[in-house]
Amino acid sequence: MSILKVDRKGRLALPKRIRESLNIGDKVLVINAGDHLKVIPLPSDPFKVLHEAFNVRKPFRELRKRAEALVEREVKS
């Protein structure tokens, strides 16, 4: 856990150890979750991630089931 100072422009700097432990590169997604923020690292090469996501040989039903499970876990956390 870290306490960070917000500067006059509303910016904060993530400590290096946190950036490295979460493999944070140049961009993150920040989500307003009501009483807190969620910071989600974004991939440096989104096309590579998308290519890998669609390069599967599984039936659509199985992919949809996995996607629904991921959404349920995200909503609960």
PDB file of N, CA and C in Angstrom:
ATOM      1  N   MET A   1       0.843  -1.163   0.000  1.00  0.00           N
ATOM      2  CA  MET A   1       0.000   0.000   0.000  1.00  0.00           C
ATOM      3  C   MET A   1       0.894   1.232   0.000  1.00  0.00           C
ATOM      4  N   SER A   2       0.451   2.256  -0.736  1.00  0.00           N
ATOM      5  CA  SER A   2       1.195   3.507  -0.807  1.00  0.00           C
ATOM      6  C   SER A   2       0.235   4.678  -0.690  1.00  0.00           C
ATOM      7  N   ILE A   3       0.683   5.709  -0.016  1.00  0.00           N
ATOM      8  CA  ILE A   3      -0.073   6.962   0.007  1.00  0.00           C
ATOM      9  C   ILE A   3       0.639   7.889  -0.958  1.00  0.00           C
ATOM     10  N   LEU A   4      -0.104   8.395  -1.953  1.00  0.00           N
ATOM     11  CA  LEU A   4       0.478   9.231  -2.988  1.00  0.00           C
ATOM     12  C   LEU A   4      -0.042  10.651  -2.863  1.00  0.00           C
ATOM     13  N   LYS A   5       0.803  11.601  -3.214  1.00  0.00           N
ATOM     14  CA  LYS A   5       0.416  13.006  -3.181  1.00  0.00           C
ATOM     15  C   LYS A   5      -0.051  13.420  -4.574  1.00  0.00           C
ATOM     16  N   VAL A   6      -1.187  14.100  -4.614  1.00  0.00           N
ATOM     17  CA  VAL A   6      -1.724  14.628  -5.865  1.00  0.00           C
ATOM     18  C   VAL A   6      -1.218  16.053  -6.028  1.00  0.00           C
ATOM     19  N   ASP A   7      -0.636  16.386  -7.204  1.00  0.00           N
ATOM     20  CA  ASP A   7      -0.110  17.739  -7.393  1.00  0.00           C
ATOM     21  C   ASP A   7      -1.227  18.720  -7.752  1.00  0.00           C
ATOM     22  N   ARG A   8      -0.872  19.980  -7.960  1.00  0.00           N
ATOM     23  CA  ARG A   8      -1.870  21.028  -8.221  1.00  0.00           C
ATOM     24  C   ARG A   8      -2.675  20.784  -9.490  1.00  0.00           C
ATOM     25  N   LYS A   9      -2.116  20.030 -10.419  1.00  0.00           N
ATOM     26  CA  LYS A   9      -2.821  19.727 -11.666  1.00  0.00           C
ATOM     27  C   LYS A   9      -3.625  18.424 -11.575  1.00  0.00           C
ATOM     28  N   GLY A  10      -3.671  17.819 -10.396  1.00  0.00           N
ATOM     29  CA  GLY A  10      -4.434  16.596 -10.208  1.00  0.00           C
ATOM     30  C   GLY A  10      -3.700  15.334 -10.605  1.00  0.00           C
ATOM     31  N   ARG A  11      -2.405  15.427 -10.800  1.00  0.00           N
ATOM     32  CA  ARG A  11      -1.604  14.272 -11.218  1.00  0.00           C
ATOM     33  C   ARG A  11      -1.010  13.569 -10.008  1.00  0.00           C
ATOM     34  N   LEU A  12      -0.745  12.281 -10.194  1.00  0.00           N
ATOM     35  CA  LEU A  12      -0.006  11.530  -9.186  1.00  0.00           C
ATOM     36  C   LEU A  12       0.968  10.618  -9.900  1.00  0.00           C
ATOM     37  N   ALA A  13       2.016  10.259  -9.206  1.00  0.00           N
ATOM     38  CA  ALA A  13       3.043   9.387  -9.780  1.00  0.00           C
ATOM     39  C   ALA A  13       3.008   8.051  -9.058  1.00  0.00           C
ATOM     40  N   LEU A  14       2.909   6.982  -9.832  1.00  0.00           N
ATOM     41  CA  LEU A  14       2.944   5.646  -9.244  1.00  0.00           C
ATOM     42  C   LEU A  14       4.391   5.264  -8.962  1.00  0.00           C
ATOM     43  N   PRO A  15       4.672   4.766  -7.771  1.00  0.00           N
ATOM     44  CA  PRO A  15       6.037   4.339  -7.460  1.00  0.00           C
ATOM     45  C   PRO A  15       6.519   3.250  -8.422  1.00  0.00           C
ATOM     46  N   LYS A  16       7.801   3.251  -8.691  1.00  0.00           N
ATOM     47  CA  LYS A  16       8.404   2.310  -9.636  1.00  0.00           C
ATOM     48  C   LYS A  16       8.094   0.863  -9.263  1.00  0.00           C
ATOM     49  N   ARG A  17       8.158   0.522  -8.005  1.00  0.00           N
ATOM     50  CA  ARG A  17       7.912  -0.870  -7.594  1.00  0.00           C
ATOM     51  C   ARG A  17       6.489  -1.314  -7.932  1.00  0.00           C
ATOM     52  N   ILE A  18       5.534  -0.399  -7.843  1.00  0.00           N
ATOM     53  CA  ILE A  18       4.149  -0.728  -8.199  1.00  0.00           C
ATOM     54  C   ILE A  18       4.026  -0.882  -9.710  1.00  0.00           C
ATOM     55  N   ARG A  19       4.625   0.058 -10.467  1.00  0.00           N
ATOM     56  CA  ARG A  19       4.581  -0.040 -11.935  1.00  0.00           C
ATOM     57  C   ARG A  19       5.195  -1.335 -12.417  1.00  0.00           C
ATOM     58  N   GLU A  20       6.326  -1.688 -11.846  1.00  0.00           N
ATOM     59  CA  GLU A  20       7.002  -2.919 -12.268  1.00  0.00           C
ATOM     60  C   GLU A  20       6.224  -4.162 -11.870  1.00  0.00           C
ATOM     61  N   SER A  21       5.657  -4.178 -10.664  1.00  0.00           N
ATOM     62  CA  SER A  21       4.940  -5.372 -10.209  1.00  0.00           C
ATOM     63  C   SER A  21       3.674  -5.621 -11.024  1.00  0.00           C
ATOM     64  N   LEU A  22       3.074  -4.553 -11.574  1.00  0.00           N
ATOM     65  CA  LEU A  22       1.858  -4.694 -12.380  1.00  0.00           C
ATOM     66  C   LEU A  22       2.137  -4.619 -13.875  1.00  0.00           C
ATOM     67  N   ASN A  23       3.415  -4.512 -14.226  1.00  0.00           N
ATOM     68  CA  ASN A  23       3.823  -4.429 -15.630  1.00  0.00           C
ATOM     69  C   ASN A  23       3.109  -3.274 -16.339  1.00  0.00           C
ATOM     70  N   ILE A  24       3.080  -2.111 -15.700  1.00  0.00           N
ATOM     71  CA  ILE A  24       2.423  -0.940 -16.267  1.00  0.00           C
ATOM     72  C   ILE A  24       3.383  -0.254 -17.229  1.00  0.00           C
ATOM     73  N   GLY A  25       2.908  -0.042 -18.457  1.00  0.00           N
ATOM     74  CA  GLY A  25       3.701   0.634 -19.477  1.00  0.00           C
ATOM     75  C   GLY A  25       3.332   2.095 -19.579  1.00  0.00           C
ATOM     76  N   ASP A  26       3.012   2.523 -20.806  1.00  0.00           N
ATOM     77  CA  ASP A  26       2.732   3.938 -21.068  1.00  0.00           C
ATOM     78  C   ASP A  26       1.307   4.361 -20.774  1.00  0.00           C
ATOM     79  N   LYS A  27       0.358   3.416 -20.817  1.00  0.00           N
ATOM     80  CA  LYS A  27      -1.045   3.802 -20.681  1.00  0.00           C
ATOM     81  C   LYS A  27      -1.773   2.904 -19.686  1.00  0.00           C
ATOM     82  N   VAL A  28      -2.730   3.527 -18.986  1.00  0.00           N
ATOM     83  CA  VAL A  28      -3.619   2.786 -18.088  1.00  0.00           C
ATOM     84  C   VAL A  28      -5.043   3.267 -18.331  1.00  0.00           C
ATOM     85  N   LEU A  29      -5.986   2.440 -17.989  1.00  0.00           N
ATOM     86  CA  LEU A  29      -7.396   2.808 -18.016  1.00  0.00           C
ATOM     87  C   LEU A  29      -7.799   3.117 -16.585  1.00  0.00           C
ATOM     88  N   VAL A  30      -8.393   4.298 -16.353  1.00  0.00           N
ATOM     89  CA  VAL A  30      -8.838   4.681 -15.016  1.00  0.00           C
ATOM     90  C   VAL A  30     -10.355   4.681 -15.014  1.00  0.00           C
ATOM     91  N   ILE A  31     -10.938   3.926 -14.092  1.00  0.00           N
ATOM     92  CA  ILE A  31     -12.389   3.799 -13.998  1.00  0.00           C
ATOM     93  C   ILE A  31     -12.848   4.345 -12.657  1.00  0.00           C
ATOM     94  N   ASN A  32     -13.845   5.228 -12.703  1.00  0.00           N
ATOM     95  CA  ASN A  32     -14.456   5.750 -11.487  1.00  0.00           C
ATOM     96  C   ASN A  32     -15.400   4.672 -10.963  1.00  0.00           C
ATOM     97  N   ALA A  33     -15.053   4.066  -9.849  1.00  0.00           N
ATOM     98  CA  ALA A  33     -15.849   2.983  -9.272  1.00  0.00           C
ATOM     99  C   ALA A  33     -16.611   3.463  -8.045  1.00  0.00           C
ATOM    100  N   GLY A  34     -17.106   4.683  -8.087  1.00  0.00           N
ATOM    101  CA  GLY A  34     -17.889   5.207  -6.973  1.00  0.00           C
ATOM    102  C   GLY A  34     -17.010   5.830  -5.914  1.00  0.00           C
ATOM    103  N   ASP A  35     -16.643   5.037  -4.918  1.00  0.00           N
ATOM    104  CA  ASP A  35     -15.829   5.560  -3.821  1.00  0.00           C
ATOM    105  C   ASP A  35     -14.338   5.300  -3.997  1.00  0.00           C
ATOM    106  N   HIS A  36     -13.949   4.744  -5.139  1.00  0.00           N
ATOM    107  CA  HIS A  36     -12.532   4.505  -5.419  1.00  0.00           C
ATOM    108  C   HIS A  36     -12.305   4.480  -6.928  1.00  0.00           C
ATOM    109  N   LEU A  37     -11.041   4.469  -7.315  1.00  0.00           N
ATOM    110  CA  LEU A  37     -10.664   4.379  -8.722  1.00  0.00           C
ATOM    111  C   LEU A  37     -10.082   3.012  -8.999  1.00  0.00           C
ATOM    112  N   LYS A  38     -10.319   2.505 -10.199  1.00  0.00           N
ATOM    113  CA  LYS A  38      -9.653   1.284 -10.660  1.00  0.00           C
ATOM    114  C   LYS A  38      -8.662   1.701 -11.727  1.00  0.00           C
ATOM    115  N   VAL A  39      -7.435   1.256 -11.599  1.00  0.00           N
ATOM    116  CA  VAL A  39      -6.391   1.551 -12.571  1.00  0.00           C
ATOM    117  C   VAL A  39      -6.009   0.233 -13.223  1.00  0.00           C
ATOM    118  N   ILE A  40      -6.253   0.142 -14.538  1.00  0.00           N
ATOM    119  CA  ILE A  40      -6.026  -1.098 -15.264  1.00  0.00           C
ATOM    120  C   ILE A  40      -4.943  -0.859 -16.314  1.00  0.00           C
ATOM    121  N   PRO A  41      -3.834  -1.602 -16.241  1.00  0.00           N
ATOM    122  CA  PRO A  41      -2.776  -1.440 -17.244  1.00  0.00           C
ATOM    123  C   PRO A  41      -3.297  -1.820 -18.632  1.00  0.00           C
ATOM    124  N   LEU A  42      -2.912  -1.040 -19.632  1.00  0.00           N
ATOM    125  CA  LEU A  42      -3.266  -1.342 -21.012  1.00  0.00           C
ATOM    126  C   LEU A  42      -2.040  -1.908 -21.720  1.00  0.00           C
ATOM    127  N   PRO A  43      -2.252  -2.835 -22.636  1.00  0.00           N
ATOM    128  CA  PRO A  43      -1.108  -3.426 -23.343  1.00  0.00           C
ATOM    129  C   PRO A  43      -0.428  -2.402 -24.250  1.00  0.00           C
ATOM    130  N   SER A  44       0.878  -2.538 -24.391  1.00  0.00           N
ATOM    131  CA  SER A  44       1.609  -1.617 -25.263  1.00  0.00           C
ATOM    132  C   SER A  44       1.271  -1.869 -26.726  1.00  0.00           C
ATOM    133  N   ASP A  45       0.911  -3.112 -27.062  1.00  0.00           N
ATOM    134  CA  ASP A  45       0.531  -3.450 -28.439  1.00  0.00           C
ATOM    135  C   ASP A  45      -0.845  -4.108 -28.432  1.00  0.00           C
ATOM    136  N   PRO A  46      -1.925  -3.314 -28.468  1.00  0.00           N
ATOM    137  CA  PRO A  46      -3.261  -3.881 -28.381  1.00  0.00           C
ATOM    138  C   PRO A  46      -3.602  -4.799 -29.556  1.00  0.00           C
ATOM    139  N   PHE A  47      -3.004  -4.576 -30.715  1.00  0.00           N
ATOM    140  CA  PHE A  47      -3.299  -5.430 -31.866  1.00  0.00           C
ATOM    141  C   PHE A  47      -2.782  -6.841 -31.651  1.00  0.00           C
ATOM    142  N   LYS A  48      -1.642  -6.958 -30.985  1.00  0.00           N
ATOM    143  CA  LYS A  48      -1.106  -8.286 -30.683  1.00  0.00           C
ATOM    144  C   LYS A  48      -2.049  -9.019 -29.733  1.00  0.00           C
ATOM    145  N   VAL A  49      -2.556  -8.312 -28.732  1.00  0.00           N
ATOM    146  CA  VAL A  49      -3.490  -8.916 -27.777  1.00  0.00           C
ATOM    147  C   VAL A  49      -4.762  -9.342 -28.491  1.00  0.00           C
ATOM    148  N   LEU A  50      -5.280  -8.479 -29.369  1.00  0.00           N
ATOM    149  CA  LEU A  50      -6.489  -8.821 -30.112  1.00  0.00           C
ATOM    150  C   LEU A  50      -6.251 -10.014 -31.030  1.00  0.00           C
ATOM    151  N   HIS A  51      -5.103 -10.034 -31.687  1.00  0.00           N
ATOM    152  CA  HIS A  51      -4.801 -11.158 -32.576  1.00  0.00           C
ATOM    153  C   HIS A  51      -4.792 -12.467 -31.801  1.00  0.00           C
ATOM    154  N   GLU A  52      -4.157 -12.446 -30.632  1.00  0.00           N
ATOM    155  CA  GLU A  52      -4.112 -13.653 -29.807  1.00  0.00           C
ATOM    156  C   GLU A  52      -5.498 -14.030 -29.301  1.00  0.00           C
ATOM    157  N   ALA A  53      -6.336 -13.034 -29.041  1.00  0.00           N
ATOM    158  CA  ALA A  53      -7.679 -13.308 -28.542  1.00  0.00           C
ATOM    159  C   ALA A  53      -8.542 -13.986 -29.596  1.00  0.00           C
ATOM    160  N   PHE A  54      -8.343 -13.630 -30.855  1.00  0.00           N
ATOM    161  CA  PHE A  54      -9.172 -14.203 -31.916  1.00  0.00           C
ATOM    162  C   PHE A  54      -8.526 -15.403 -32.585  1.00  0.00           C
ATOM    163  N   ASN A  55      -7.325 -15.715 -32.208  1.00  0.00           N
ATOM    164  CA  ASN A  55      -6.620 -16.842 -32.798  1.00  0.00           C
ATOM    165  C   ASN A  55      -6.865 -18.091 -31.958  1.00  0.00           C
ATOM    166  N   VAL A  56      -8.135 -18.493 -31.885  1.00  0.00           N
ATOM    167  CA  VAL A  56      -8.515 -19.652 -31.085  1.00  0.00           C
ATOM    168  C   VAL A  56      -9.356 -20.598 -31.921  1.00  0.00           C
ATOM    169  N   ARG A  57      -9.384 -21.827 -31.507  1.00  0.00           N
ATOM    170  CA  ARG A  57     -10.176 -22.830 -32.220  1.00  0.00           C
ATOM    171  C   ARG A  57     -11.221 -23.420 -31.287  1.00  0.00           C
ATOM    172  N   LYS A  58     -11.920 -22.541 -30.592  1.00  0.00           N
ATOM    173  CA  LYS A  58     -12.944 -22.990 -29.666  1.00  0.00           C
ATOM    174  C   LYS A  58     -14.305 -22.572 -30.188  1.00  0.00           C
ATOM    175  N   PRO A  59     -15.337 -23.337 -29.865  1.00  0.00           N
ATOM    176  CA  PRO A  59     -16.679 -22.951 -30.300  1.00  0.00           C
ATOM    177  C   PRO A  59     -17.129 -21.640 -29.659  1.00  0.00           C
ATOM    178  N   PHE A  60     -17.984 -20.923 -30.375  1.00  0.00           N
ATOM    179  CA  PHE A  60     -18.473 -19.628 -29.903  1.00  0.00           C
ATOM    180  C   PHE A  60     -19.121 -19.745 -28.532  1.00  0.00           C
ATOM    181  N   ARG A  61     -19.888 -20.791 -28.294  1.00  0.00           N
ATOM    182  CA  ARG A  61     -20.557 -20.950 -26.995  1.00  0.00           C
ATOM    183  C   ARG A  61     -19.559 -20.998 -25.846  1.00  0.00           C
ATOM    184  N   GLU A  62     -18.464 -21.690 -26.048  1.00  0.00           N
ATOM    185  CA  GLU A  62     -17.449 -21.782 -24.997  1.00  0.00           C
ATOM    186  C   GLU A  62     -16.792 -20.424 -24.766  1.00  0.00           C
ATOM    187  N   LEU A  63     -16.495 -19.715 -25.847  1.00  0.00           N
ATOM    188  CA  LEU A  63     -15.899 -18.377 -25.716  1.00  0.00           C
ATOM    189  C   LEU A  63     -16.848 -17.437 -24.993  1.00  0.00           C
ATOM    190  N   ARG A  64     -18.139 -17.495 -25.334  1.00  0.00           N
ATOM    191  CA  ARG A  64     -19.113 -16.620 -24.682  1.00  0.00           C
ATOM    192  C   ARG A  64     -19.212 -16.949 -23.192  1.00  0.00           C
ATOM    193  N   LYS A  65     -19.215 -18.238 -22.865  1.00  0.00           N
ATOM    194  CA  LYS A  65     -19.299 -18.658 -21.462  1.00  0.00           C
ATOM    195  C   LYS A  65     -18.102 -18.116 -20.674  1.00  0.00           C
ATOM    196  N   ARG A  66     -16.907 -18.198 -21.259  1.00  0.00           N
ATOM    197  CA  ARG A  66     -15.711 -17.680 -20.593  1.00  0.00           C
ATOM    198  C   ARG A  66     -15.782 -16.170 -20.423  1.00  0.00           C
ATOM    199  N   ALA A  67     -16.284 -15.465 -21.450  1.00  0.00           N
ATOM    200  CA  ALA A  67     -16.415 -14.011 -21.366  1.00  0.00           C
ATOM    201  C   ALA A  67     -17.399 -13.614 -20.271  1.00  0.00           C
ATOM    202  N   GLU A  68     -18.515 -14.322 -20.176  1.00  0.00           N
ATOM    203  CA  GLU A  68     -19.512 -14.028 -19.131  1.00  0.00           C
ATOM    204  C   GLU A  68     -18.927 -14.264 -17.749  1.00  0.00           C
ATOM    205  N   ALA A  69     -18.139 -15.324 -17.600  1.00  0.00           N
ATOM    206  CA  ALA A  69     -17.511 -15.611 -16.311  1.00  0.00           C
ATOM    207  C   ALA A  69     -16.533 -14.495 -15.925  1.00  0.00           C
ATOM    208  N   LEU A  70     -15.773 -14.000 -16.892  1.00  0.00           N
ATOM    209  CA  LEU A  70     -14.832 -12.911 -16.620  1.00  0.00           C
ATOM    210  C   LEU A  70     -15.571 -11.647 -16.192  1.00  0.00           C
ATOM    211  N   VAL A  71     -16.678 -11.350 -16.837  1.00  0.00           N
ATOM    212  CA  VAL A  71     -17.462 -10.169 -16.486  1.00  0.00           C
ATOM    213  C   VAL A  71     -18.030 -10.317 -15.070  1.00  0.00           C
ATOM    214  N   GLU A  72     -18.535 -11.480 -14.745  1.00  0.00           N
ATOM    215  CA  GLU A  72     -19.079 -11.711 -13.398  1.00  0.00           C
ATOM    216  C   GLU A  72     -18.011 -11.510 -12.338  1.00  0.00           C
ATOM    217  N   ARG A  73     -16.809 -12.020 -12.587  1.00  0.00           N
ATOM    218  CA  ARG A  73     -15.717 -11.837 -11.624  1.00  0.00           C
ATOM    219  C   ARG A  73     -15.351 -10.377 -11.479  1.00  0.00           C
ATOM    220  N   GLU A  74     -15.337  -9.642 -12.599  1.00  0.00           N
ATOM    221  CA  GLU A  74     -14.993  -8.218 -12.552  1.00  0.00           C
ATOM    222  C   GLU A  74     -16.047  -7.432 -11.769  1.00  0.00           C
ATOM    223  N   VAL A  75     -17.294  -7.767 -11.946  1.00  0.00           N
ATOM    224  CA  VAL A  75     -18.378  -7.059 -11.254  1.00  0.00           C
ATOM    225  C   VAL A  75     -18.301  -7.319  -9.751  1.00  0.00           C
ATOM    226  N   LYS A  76     -17.945  -8.533  -9.366  1.00  0.00           N
ATOM    227  CA  LYS A  76     -17.886  -8.890  -7.945  1.00  0.00           C
ATOM    228  C   LYS A  76     -16.683  -8.285  -7.240  1.00  0.00           C
ATOM    229  N   SER A  77     -15.632  -7.966  -7.978  1.00  0.00           N
ATOM    230  CA  SER A  77     -14.416  -7.443  -7.326  1.00  0.00           C
ATOM    231  C   SER A  77     -14.444  -5.954  -7.174  1.00  0.00           C
TER     232      SER A  77
END
